Protein backbone atom coordinates (compact mmCIF):
# COMPACT_ATOMS: atom_id res chain seq x y z
CA MET A 1 181.38 103.16 163.17
CA SER A 2 182.82 106.45 164.68
CA ALA A 3 186.47 107.91 163.44
CA LEU A 4 189.04 107.14 166.04
CA PRO A 5 191.47 110.25 167.16
CA PRO A 6 194.43 110.46 164.84
CA ALA A 7 196.75 110.00 167.59
CA ILE A 8 195.09 106.68 168.41
CA GLU A 9 194.45 105.18 165.00
CA PRO A 10 197.71 104.79 163.02
CA SER A 11 197.77 104.31 159.26
CA PRO A 12 197.74 100.68 158.12
CA LEU A 13 200.61 101.63 155.62
CA ALA A 14 202.87 103.05 158.47
CA PRO A 15 204.60 99.70 159.16
CA LEU A 16 205.42 99.17 155.53
CA ALA A 17 207.02 102.65 155.23
CA ALA A 18 209.09 101.98 158.22
CA VAL A 19 210.39 98.76 156.77
CA ALA A 20 211.32 100.44 153.56
CA SER A 21 213.07 103.18 155.22
CA GLU A 22 214.99 100.90 157.45
CA SER A 23 215.93 98.41 154.66
CA THR A 24 217.37 101.39 152.63
CA PHE A 25 219.62 102.41 155.35
CA ILE A 26 220.98 99.04 155.78
CA ASP A 27 221.87 98.52 152.11
CA ASP A 28 223.74 102.00 152.19
CA GLU A 29 226.72 100.14 153.61
CA PRO A 30 228.07 98.03 150.71
CA ASP A 31 228.80 94.17 151.32
CA ALA A 32 232.59 93.24 151.15
CA PRO A 33 233.58 91.67 147.87
CA ALA A 34 233.20 87.67 148.32
CA ALA A 35 236.53 85.80 148.28
CA PRO A 36 237.08 82.93 146.12
CA SER A 37 236.62 79.67 147.81
CA PRO A 38 240.33 78.56 148.83
CA MET A 39 241.76 75.20 148.42
CA PRO A 40 241.75 73.36 151.27
CA VAL A 41 245.07 73.59 153.11
CA ALA A 42 246.36 72.41 156.22
CA PRO A 43 245.79 74.87 159.03
CA SER A 44 248.95 76.95 159.48
CA ALA A 45 250.88 77.14 162.65
CA SER A 46 249.43 80.46 163.51
CA ALA A 47 245.57 79.20 162.88
CA ALA A 48 246.46 76.20 164.85
CA SER A 49 247.90 78.24 167.74
CA GLY A 50 244.62 80.65 167.76
CA ALA A 51 245.81 83.55 165.55
CA THR A 52 243.52 86.52 164.84
CA PRO A 53 241.82 86.17 161.51
CA SER A 54 242.25 89.17 158.93
CA PRO A 55 240.42 92.35 159.43
CA THR A 56 238.62 92.05 155.90
CA ALA A 57 237.15 88.71 156.57
CA SER A 58 235.83 89.84 159.90
CA ARG A 59 234.00 92.97 158.78
CA ALA A 60 232.08 90.91 156.05
CA SER A 61 230.91 88.40 158.51
CA ASP A 62 229.77 91.04 160.87
CA GLY A 63 227.89 93.09 158.25
CA LYS A 64 225.86 89.97 157.29
CA ARG A 65 224.84 89.21 160.76
CA ARG A 66 223.98 92.66 161.58
CA ARG A 67 221.63 92.71 158.47
CA VAL A 68 219.87 89.77 159.60
CA ILE A 69 219.15 90.88 163.04
CA VAL A 70 218.01 94.15 161.84
CA ILE A 71 215.73 92.64 159.23
CA ALA A 72 214.22 90.11 161.90
CA ALA A 73 213.55 93.18 164.20
CA ILE A 74 211.84 95.15 161.55
CA VAL A 75 209.73 92.24 160.62
CA ALA A 76 208.85 91.47 164.23
CA ALA A 77 207.77 95.32 164.71
CA VAL A 78 205.68 95.21 161.73
CA VAL A 79 203.80 92.00 162.77
CA ALA A 80 203.50 93.65 166.26
CA VAL A 81 202.12 96.86 164.87
CA ALA A 82 199.58 95.11 162.74
CA GLY A 83 198.44 93.03 165.46
CA GLY A 84 198.17 95.79 167.90
CA PHE A 85 195.87 97.64 165.37
CA GLY A 86 193.76 94.78 164.26
CA GLY A 87 193.26 93.96 168.07
CA TYR A 88 192.41 97.55 168.74
CA MET A 89 189.79 97.78 166.04
CA LEU A 90 188.43 94.28 167.25
CA TRP A 91 188.07 95.69 170.89
CA SER A 92 186.45 98.84 169.48
CA ASN A 93 183.87 97.20 167.46
CA HIS A 94 182.99 94.70 170.26
CA ARG A 95 182.57 97.67 172.59
CA ARG A 96 180.21 99.54 170.39
CA ASP A 97 178.17 96.43 169.52
CA ALA A 98 177.87 95.71 173.40
CA ALA A 99 176.85 99.45 174.00
CA MET A 100 174.10 99.12 171.17
CA ALA A 101 172.76 95.96 172.54
CA ALA A 102 172.68 97.43 176.07
CA CYS A 103 170.98 100.42 174.75
CA GLN A 104 168.45 98.41 172.96
CA SER A 105 167.80 96.08 176.09
CA SER A 106 167.12 99.40 178.30
CA ALA A 107 164.85 100.64 175.51
CA LYS A 108 162.72 97.57 175.93
CA GLU A 109 162.78 97.76 179.61
CA TYR A 110 161.50 101.42 179.18
CA ASP A 111 158.69 100.39 176.99
CA LYS A 112 157.57 97.74 179.50
CA ALA A 113 157.62 100.23 182.26
CA HIS A 114 156.12 102.99 180.20
CA THR A 115 153.23 100.60 179.17
CA ALA A 116 152.48 99.38 182.61
CA MET A 117 152.67 103.03 183.94
CA THR A 118 150.14 104.05 181.17
CA LYS A 119 147.83 101.32 182.12
CA ALA A 120 147.76 102.23 185.79
CA LEU A 121 147.62 105.97 184.71
CA LYS A 122 144.44 105.16 182.64
CA GLU A 123 142.71 103.74 185.46
CA ALA A 124 143.72 106.40 187.86
CA LYS A 125 142.18 109.06 185.55
CA THR A 126 138.98 107.22 185.40
CA LEU A 127 138.88 107.37 189.19
CA ALA A 128 140.06 110.97 189.61
CA SER A 129 136.41 111.83 188.57
CA THR A 130 135.23 110.14 191.71
CA ASP A 131 132.50 112.28 193.62
CA PRO A 132 134.26 113.23 197.09
CA GLY A 133 130.70 112.54 198.58
CA THR A 134 131.12 108.96 197.99
CA MET A 135 134.20 108.68 199.90
CA ASP A 136 135.12 108.51 203.64
CA SER A 137 137.87 110.93 203.03
CA LYS A 138 139.09 112.87 199.88
CA ASP A 139 142.63 113.02 200.94
CA SER A 140 143.61 110.19 198.84
CA LEU A 141 141.51 111.61 195.94
CA ASP A 142 143.60 114.86 196.03
CA LYS A 143 146.92 112.89 196.01
CA LEU A 144 145.77 110.83 192.89
CA ARG A 145 144.81 113.77 191.08
CA LYS A 146 148.14 115.52 191.45
CA LEU A 147 149.91 112.09 190.41
CA VAL A 148 147.79 112.16 187.18
CA ASP A 149 148.94 115.67 186.51
CA SER A 150 152.70 114.99 187.19
CA LYS A 151 155.57 115.56 184.86
CA THR A 152 156.49 111.87 184.50
CA ALA A 153 153.01 110.88 183.56
CA THR A 154 152.94 113.37 180.97
CA ALA A 155 156.55 112.43 179.37
CA THR A 156 155.98 110.78 176.00
CA ASN A 157 159.33 111.30 174.07
CA PRO A 158 162.22 108.80 175.38
CA PRO A 159 165.75 109.22 173.55
CA ALA A 160 166.27 106.48 170.68
CA CYS A 161 169.08 103.92 170.10
CA ASP A 162 170.13 105.52 166.65
CA PRO A 163 172.60 103.36 164.88
CA ALA A 164 174.34 106.41 163.81
CA LEU A 165 175.64 107.36 167.46
CA VAL A 166 179.18 106.44 168.67
CA THR A 167 179.77 104.32 171.57
CA ASP A 168 179.66 107.10 174.27
CA ASP A 169 176.37 108.50 173.04
CA LEU A 170 174.73 104.97 173.06
CA GLU A 171 175.97 104.55 176.71
CA SER A 172 174.59 108.00 177.53
CA VAL A 173 171.13 107.16 175.94
CA ARG A 174 171.11 103.83 177.81
CA GLY A 175 171.48 105.88 181.07
CA LYS A 176 168.61 108.12 180.27
CA LEU A 177 166.36 105.31 179.35
CA ASP A 178 167.42 103.44 182.49
CA ASP A 179 166.43 106.69 184.53
CA LEU A 180 163.12 106.92 182.63
CA ALA A 181 162.15 103.50 183.08
CA GLY A 182 162.82 103.83 187.00
CA ASP A 183 160.95 107.10 187.08
CA ASN A 184 157.90 105.03 185.14
CA ARG A 185 158.22 102.18 187.47
CA ASP A 186 158.13 104.51 190.43
CA LEU A 187 155.06 106.61 189.12
CA ARG A 188 153.34 103.28 188.36
CA GLY A 189 153.74 102.30 192.12
CA LYS A 190 152.48 105.49 193.45
CA LEU A 191 149.52 105.53 191.00
CA GLU A 192 148.52 101.92 191.83
CA SER A 193 148.96 102.89 195.63
CA SER A 194 146.66 105.83 195.31
CA VAL A 195 144.16 104.02 193.39
CA LYS A 196 144.04 101.40 196.15
CA ALA A 197 143.72 104.25 198.62
CA VAL A 198 140.77 106.01 196.73
CA ASN A 199 138.99 102.56 196.45
CA ALA A 200 139.36 101.81 199.90
CA SER A 201 138.02 105.09 200.99
CA VAL A 202 134.89 104.58 198.79
CA ASP A 203 134.43 101.04 200.19
CA ALA A 204 134.82 102.38 203.79
CA LYS A 205 131.98 105.19 202.88
CA THR A 206 129.81 102.50 201.32
CA LEU A 207 130.23 100.08 204.15
CA LYS A 208 129.17 102.84 206.72
CA ASP A 209 126.23 104.08 204.54
CA SER A 210 125.16 100.35 204.10
CA LYS A 211 124.95 100.00 208.03
CA THR A 212 123.21 103.27 208.45
CA ASP A 213 120.68 102.12 205.98
CA LEU A 214 120.15 98.63 207.44
CA ASP A 215 119.57 100.04 210.95
CA ASP A 216 117.15 102.44 209.37
CA ALA A 217 115.26 99.94 207.53
CA ILE A 218 114.88 97.60 210.61
CA THR A 219 113.48 100.42 212.56
CA GLN A 220 111.05 101.21 209.87
CA ALA A 221 110.08 97.56 209.18
CA GLN A 222 109.26 97.06 212.87
CA ASN A 223 107.22 100.17 212.95
CA VAL A 224 105.26 98.99 209.98
CA LEU A 225 104.77 95.63 211.51
CA ASP A 226 103.51 97.19 214.78
CA SER A 227 101.09 99.55 213.14
CA SER A 228 99.59 97.06 210.80
CA ALA A 229 98.07 94.36 213.00
CA GLY A 230 94.49 93.99 211.79
CA GLN A 231 95.17 96.39 208.96
CA VAL A 232 96.21 93.99 206.19
CA ALA A 233 94.30 92.07 203.63
CA ASP A 234 96.63 89.31 203.71
CA ASP A 235 98.41 88.51 207.22
CA SER A 236 100.93 86.43 205.53
CA THR A 237 102.89 89.73 204.27
CA ARG A 238 103.27 90.58 208.08
CA SER A 239 104.72 87.21 208.84
CA ASP A 240 107.14 87.55 205.88
CA LEU A 241 108.00 90.95 207.22
CA GLN A 242 108.90 89.54 210.74
CA SER A 243 111.18 87.07 209.17
CA ALA A 244 113.02 89.80 207.12
CA ILE A 245 113.38 91.80 210.22
CA ASP A 246 114.87 88.68 212.16
CA ASP A 247 117.23 87.91 209.23
CA ALA A 248 118.56 91.73 208.98
CA ARG A 249 119.11 91.78 212.77
CA LYS A 250 121.43 88.70 212.48
CA VAL A 251 123.39 90.52 209.70
CA ALA A 252 123.55 93.84 211.60
CA GLY A 253 124.84 91.93 214.68
CA LYS A 254 127.95 90.54 212.93
CA SER A 255 131.22 92.15 213.83
CA LYS A 256 132.25 92.91 210.51
CA PRO A 257 129.10 92.42 208.06
CA SER A 258 130.09 93.02 204.23
CA ALA A 259 128.34 95.92 202.62
CA LYS A 260 127.02 93.29 200.13
CA GLU A 261 125.45 91.46 203.00
CA MET A 262 123.91 94.51 204.37
CA ALA A 263 122.56 95.68 201.28
CA LYS A 264 120.72 92.50 200.58
CA ALA A 265 119.19 92.58 204.12
CA THR A 266 118.19 96.13 203.60
CA GLN A 267 116.48 95.21 200.10
CA SER A 268 114.66 92.30 201.66
CA LEU A 269 113.14 94.53 204.38
CA THR A 270 112.13 97.02 201.57
CA ASP A 271 110.45 94.42 199.65
CA ALA A 272 108.48 93.01 202.74
CA ILE A 273 107.36 96.46 203.81
CA GLY A 274 106.45 97.23 200.49
CA LYS A 275 104.18 93.98 200.41
CA VAL A 276 102.77 94.90 203.77
CA ASN A 277 101.80 98.50 202.55
CA SER A 278 100.15 96.89 199.38
CA SER A 279 98.09 94.63 201.71
CA ILE A 280 97.18 97.55 203.82
CA ALA A 281 95.96 99.54 200.77
CA ALA A 282 94.23 96.56 199.53
CA LYS A 283 92.13 96.16 202.92
CA GLN A 284 91.62 99.91 202.81
CA GLN A 285 90.27 99.73 199.27
CA ALA A 286 88.08 96.65 200.42
CA ASP A 287 86.83 98.61 203.39
CA ALA A 288 85.98 101.64 201.44
CA ALA A 289 83.98 99.52 198.88
CA GLU A 290 81.99 97.81 201.74
CA ALA A 291 81.29 101.18 203.40
CA ALA A 292 80.17 102.35 200.21
CA ARG A 293 77.90 99.37 199.59
CA LYS A 294 76.53 99.82 203.41
CA ALA A 295 76.16 103.40 202.66
CA ALA A 296 74.01 102.84 199.76
CA GLU A 297 71.79 100.64 201.72
CA GLY A 298 71.58 103.31 204.53
CA PRO A 299 69.90 106.60 204.97
CA HIS A 300 69.76 108.84 201.95
CA GLY A 301 68.20 112.16 201.61
CA SER A 302 67.06 114.57 204.44
CA PHE A 303 66.06 113.90 207.83
CA PHE A 304 64.39 116.29 210.31
CA PHE A 305 64.23 116.68 213.97
CA ALA A 306 62.30 119.16 216.12
CA ALA A 307 62.68 119.23 219.66
CA GLY A 308 59.34 119.36 221.91
CA VAL A 309 60.70 122.12 224.03
CA GLY A 310 63.07 125.09 223.53
CA GLY A 311 62.62 125.36 219.73
CA TYR A 312 65.79 123.38 218.61
CA ARG A 313 65.47 122.18 214.84
CA GLU A 314 67.99 120.15 212.80
CA SER A 315 68.04 118.80 209.31
CA ILE A 316 70.49 116.32 208.23
CA GLU A 317 71.22 115.60 204.40
CA PHE A 318 72.82 112.20 203.53
CA GLY A 319 74.48 111.45 200.29
CA ASN A 320 78.12 110.25 199.00
CA GLY A 321 79.40 109.22 202.27
CA GLN A 322 78.67 112.50 204.04
CA ALA A 323 76.08 113.98 206.08
CA THR A 324 75.51 117.84 206.05
CA SER A 325 73.70 119.12 209.30
CA THR A 326 72.03 122.54 209.50
CA GLN A 327 70.85 123.50 212.97
CA TRP A 328 68.91 126.50 214.24
CA GLN A 329 66.12 127.76 216.75
CA SER A 330 62.89 128.04 215.61
CA MET A 331 62.61 131.52 216.92
CA ARG A 332 65.68 132.56 214.76
CA PRO A 333 65.31 130.62 211.85
CA ASP A 334 67.97 132.83 209.88
CA ASP A 335 70.59 132.06 212.48
CA THR A 336 71.72 128.68 211.19
CA GLN A 337 74.92 126.56 211.89
CA THR A 338 76.07 124.11 209.42
CA VAL A 339 78.59 121.00 210.17
CA VAL A 340 79.64 118.69 207.49
CA TYR A 341 80.19 115.02 208.81
CA GLN A 342 81.98 111.84 207.40
CA VAL A 343 79.72 108.80 207.61
CA SER A 344 80.78 105.39 208.23
CA SER A 345 79.08 102.07 209.43
CA ASP A 346 80.18 98.39 210.03
CA ASP A 347 76.90 97.03 209.93
CA GLY A 348 74.45 99.05 208.09
CA VAL A 349 72.46 99.87 210.99
CA THR A 350 74.70 101.93 213.27
CA TYR A 351 76.26 105.06 211.74
CA THR A 352 78.93 107.13 213.05
CA LEU A 353 78.99 110.81 211.94
CA THR A 354 82.69 112.42 212.55
CA ASP A 355 83.41 116.16 212.01
CA ASP A 356 86.60 117.86 211.05
CA GLU A 357 87.51 118.08 214.65
CA GLY A 358 87.03 114.60 215.34
CA GLY A 359 83.87 114.85 217.36
CA THR A 360 81.45 112.12 216.58
CA ARG A 361 77.77 111.40 216.66
CA THR A 362 76.03 108.03 216.48
CA PHE A 363 72.68 107.30 214.90
CA VAL A 364 70.49 104.22 214.21
CA TYR A 365 68.82 103.69 211.06
CA ASP A 366 65.83 101.65 210.78
CA LYS A 367 65.51 100.94 207.31
CA GLY A 368 62.00 99.49 207.73
CA SER A 369 60.60 102.72 209.05
CA ASP A 370 63.07 104.80 207.41
CA THR A 371 64.03 106.73 210.34
CA LEU A 372 67.24 107.79 212.28
CA THR A 373 67.59 107.86 216.02
CA ASP A 374 70.18 110.14 217.55
CA VAL A 375 71.75 107.79 220.39
CA THR A 376 74.60 110.06 221.00
CA ALA A 377 75.59 110.26 224.77
CA GLY A 378 72.16 108.41 225.60
CA LEU A 379 69.83 110.60 223.46
CA SER A 380 66.91 109.03 221.80
CA ASN A 381 65.90 111.68 219.31
CA GLU A 382 64.20 110.36 216.31
CA TYR A 383 64.54 111.92 212.69
CA GLY A 384 61.96 111.38 210.06
CA ARG A 385 62.00 112.13 206.55
CA ASP A 386 62.01 115.88 205.90
CA ASP A 387 59.46 115.96 203.09
């Protein structure tokens, strides 16, 4: 407990000293000598008629009454002073106890506010590293980062309710704790609001991107469906793709589809497209194998043709799915022209030779006679073995 100012806090011995001093003063006046008890006599004529008593007897009586009154006053004063001092001490102790209790209550409220703010700050710090490219707008992110670096967010040393502090100092500490608790609650509110704004911006960008991805996926899926007719090994994959397109269009047509719905529809389209492409690849592989088989049964080696008029000559070498044509004039055998064709056949009889520029020639192979006939554009030039 703090010491009281001397002017306010009287010494507990002061009332006793005052009593001793006052008693000494009164005793300075000697009492009148006590008169012997007189024999009862009949009242005199003068007494009976109200005559004045003697001066000596009156002075003795007055002195005794005066001493009793003064002593009673002194006792009353002592009791009053002692009671006042005790009451002051009781009030002073109660006031300090109340100040300590209030300070400790404020300290608890500060701890609660600071703990809640710290939790919000931790979440905000994590969110502060968000890539602005994933947001619809980065304004909320800039605000969040400023709050994370604010002075209140970095304050960690609140004052303590020290038992050694006097009442006024405890009340001062309580005020500071209340202010700090308010600052923490205010910052927590701002942090939570900013976190919400950043998340909302990320969600808005996600929603927008999801809509764009879904629209693009629908377009791509429709193109694959249109171009894959007759090009798949398993036509059920195209039917599944059509169903996925129909479902995706229903989602895209909603007034407010969720990002989750759109992402799911996009994934379904992606999966269906992948299955159609795999089926296309399977058919291409099967077709290539069949073409190779037919090519193995078709013309191999060199075939030669010589025109009856004009000296036109051509030698065609077949092998590995290709045909290499060498053409010249008989009068200029060194002036040759070479063309490489890709060879294909659907039936092992008619063969299509396709050059690099897309030009084609058609030959009919007679396996029995091992001859080729060029039937391009109505021709009927027969090629025999170039032995």
